[in-house]
Amino acid sequence: MTLTRLTRLFARLREYQHRRYSRQQLLELELHQLKDIGLSRADAVREGSKPFWKA
């Protein structure tokens, strides 16, 4: 495997990890916090429930 392919692979893995973490954090927000960012609980659940590989 070339260095470029490895670099892309690690970048993709970091992206997946970031998505998983961000979505978990979104699910933990209180209702007033969601309101502050313009989301409903349903919006948060819909986004937070996506698999990490889906953008």
N, C-alpha and C. Protein backbone atom coordinates (compact mmCIF):
# COMPACT_ATOMS: atom_id res chain seq x y z
N MET A 1 0.85 -1.18 0.00
CA MET A 1 0.00 0.00 0.00
C MET A 1 0.90 1.24 0.00
N THR A 2 0.57 2.19 -0.82
CA THR A 2 1.40 3.38 -0.92
C THR A 2 1.12 4.33 0.24
N LEU A 3 2.03 5.24 0.44
CA LEU A 3 1.89 6.23 1.51
C LEU A 3 0.64 7.09 1.31
N THR A 4 0.35 7.44 0.08
CA THR A 4 -0.83 8.25 -0.21
C THR A 4 -2.11 7.51 0.17
N ARG A 5 -2.17 6.25 -0.16
CA ARG A 5 -3.36 5.46 0.19
C ARG A 5 -3.51 5.32 1.70
N LEU A 6 -2.40 5.12 2.39
CA LEU A 6 -2.44 5.04 3.86
C LEU A 6 -2.88 6.36 4.47
N THR A 7 -2.38 7.44 3.93
CA THR A 7 -2.76 8.77 4.42
C THR A 7 -4.26 8.99 4.25
N ARG A 8 -4.78 8.62 3.10
CA ARG A 8 -6.23 8.76 2.86
C ARG A 8 -7.03 7.86 3.79
N LEU A 9 -6.54 6.65 4.01
CA LEU A 9 -7.22 5.72 4.91
C LEU A 9 -7.29 6.29 6.33
N PHE A 10 -6.17 6.79 6.84
CA PHE A 10 -6.17 7.35 8.18
C PHE A 10 -7.03 8.61 8.27
N ALA A 11 -7.05 9.40 7.22
CA ALA A 11 -7.91 10.58 7.20
C ALA A 11 -9.39 10.17 7.25
N ARG A 12 -9.74 9.14 6.52
CA ARG A 12 -11.11 8.64 6.52
C ARG A 12 -11.48 8.11 7.90
N LEU A 13 -10.58 7.38 8.54
CA LEU A 13 -10.84 6.85 9.89
C LEU A 13 -11.03 7.98 10.90
N ARG A 14 -10.22 9.03 10.80
CA ARG A 14 -10.39 10.19 11.69
C ARG A 14 -11.74 10.86 11.46
N GLU A 15 -12.14 10.96 10.21
CA GLU A 15 -13.44 11.55 9.87
C GLU A 15 -14.57 10.72 10.48
N TYR A 16 -14.50 9.42 10.37
CA TYR A 16 -15.52 8.53 10.95
C TYR A 16 -15.57 8.69 12.47
N GLN A 17 -14.41 8.74 13.08
CA GLN A 17 -14.35 8.89 14.53
C GLN A 17 -14.97 10.23 14.96
N HIS A 18 -14.67 11.28 14.22
CA HIS A 18 -15.23 12.60 14.53
C HIS A 18 -16.75 12.58 14.39
N ARG A 19 -17.26 11.98 13.33
CA ARG A 19 -18.72 11.90 13.14
C ARG A 19 -19.39 11.16 14.30
N ARG A 20 -18.78 10.02 14.68
CA ARG A 20 -19.37 9.22 15.75
C ARG A 20 -19.40 10.02 17.06
N TYR A 21 -18.30 10.70 17.36
CA TYR A 21 -18.23 11.51 18.57
C TYR A 21 -19.23 12.67 18.53
N SER A 22 -19.28 13.38 17.42
CA SER A 22 -20.18 14.53 17.28
C SER A 22 -21.64 14.12 17.39
N ARG A 23 -21.98 13.02 16.78
CA ARG A 23 -23.37 12.56 16.83
C ARG A 23 -23.75 12.11 18.24
N GLN A 24 -22.81 11.49 18.93
CA GLN A 24 -23.08 11.10 20.32
C GLN A 24 -23.30 12.35 21.19
N GLN A 25 -22.46 13.35 20.98
CA GLN A 25 -22.60 14.60 21.74
C GLN A 25 -23.94 15.27 21.44
N LEU A 26 -24.35 15.25 20.20
CA LEU A 26 -25.63 15.84 19.81
C LEU A 26 -26.78 15.17 20.55
N LEU A 27 -26.73 13.85 20.67
CA LEU A 27 -27.79 13.11 21.36
C LEU A 27 -27.84 13.43 22.86
N GLU A 28 -26.75 13.92 23.41
CA GLU A 28 -26.69 14.21 24.83
C GLU A 28 -27.09 15.64 25.19
N LEU A 29 -27.34 16.47 24.17
CA LEU A 29 -27.72 17.86 24.44
C LEU A 29 -29.11 17.94 25.07
N GLU A 30 -29.27 18.90 25.96
CA GLU A 30 -30.57 19.19 26.57
C GLU A 30 -31.44 19.92 25.56
N LEU A 31 -32.73 19.91 25.81
CA LEU A 31 -33.68 20.53 24.89
C LEU A 31 -33.38 22.02 24.68
N HIS A 32 -33.04 22.75 25.75
CA HIS A 32 -32.75 24.18 25.59
C HIS A 32 -31.47 24.40 24.77
N GLN A 33 -30.52 23.48 24.85
CA GLN A 33 -29.31 23.59 24.05
C GLN A 33 -29.61 23.34 22.57
N LEU A 34 -30.46 22.37 22.32
CA LEU A 34 -30.87 22.11 20.94
C LEU A 34 -31.59 23.32 20.36
N LYS A 35 -32.45 23.92 21.17
CA LYS A 35 -33.18 25.10 20.72
C LYS A 35 -32.21 26.23 20.36
N ASP A 36 -31.15 26.38 21.16
CA ASP A 36 -30.15 27.42 20.90
C ASP A 36 -29.49 27.26 19.53
N ILE A 37 -29.34 26.02 19.07
CA ILE A 37 -28.71 25.80 17.77
C ILE A 37 -29.73 25.54 16.66
N GLY A 38 -31.00 25.71 17.00
CA GLY A 38 -32.05 25.63 15.99
C GLY A 38 -32.47 24.23 15.60
N LEU A 39 -32.32 23.28 16.53
CA LEU A 39 -32.71 21.90 16.24
C LEU A 39 -33.79 21.44 17.21
N SER A 40 -34.63 20.55 16.74
CA SER A 40 -35.60 19.91 17.62
C SER A 40 -35.00 18.59 18.10
N ARG A 41 -35.64 17.97 19.08
CA ARG A 41 -35.17 16.67 19.55
C ARG A 41 -35.23 15.66 18.40
N ALA A 42 -36.28 15.74 17.59
CA ALA A 42 -36.41 14.82 16.44
C ALA A 42 -35.25 15.00 15.46
N ASP A 43 -34.86 16.26 15.21
CA ASP A 43 -33.72 16.52 14.33
C ASP A 43 -32.45 15.89 14.89
N ALA A 44 -32.25 16.07 16.20
CA ALA A 44 -31.05 15.53 16.85
C ALA A 44 -31.03 14.01 16.80
N VAL A 45 -32.17 13.40 17.05
CA VAL A 45 -32.24 11.93 17.02
C VAL A 45 -32.01 11.42 15.60
N ARG A 46 -32.58 12.10 14.62
CA ARG A 46 -32.41 11.68 13.22
C ARG A 46 -30.92 11.74 12.83
N GLU A 47 -30.27 12.84 13.17
CA GLU A 47 -28.85 12.98 12.83
C GLU A 47 -27.98 12.07 13.70
N GLY A 48 -28.27 12.03 14.97
CA GLY A 48 -27.47 11.25 15.90
C GLY A 48 -27.57 9.75 15.70
N SER A 49 -28.62 9.32 15.05
CA SER A 49 -28.83 7.88 14.82
C SER A 49 -28.22 7.37 13.51
N LYS A 50 -27.71 8.29 12.72
CA LYS A 50 -27.08 7.87 11.46
C LYS A 50 -25.82 7.06 11.75
N PRO A 51 -25.54 6.08 10.93
CA PRO A 51 -24.27 5.36 11.07
C PRO A 51 -23.10 6.31 10.78
N PHE A 52 -21.96 6.05 11.40
CA PHE A 52 -20.82 6.97 11.27
C PHE A 52 -20.32 7.10 9.84
N TRP A 53 -20.58 6.12 9.00
CA TRP A 53 -20.06 6.19 7.63
C TRP A 53 -20.94 7.01 6.70
N LYS A 54 -22.12 7.44 7.17
CA LYS A 54 -23.00 8.26 6.33
C LYS A 54 -22.81 9.73 6.68
N ALA A 55 -22.64 10.53 5.64
CA ALA A 55 -22.46 11.97 5.83
C ALA A 55 -23.76 12.65 6.13
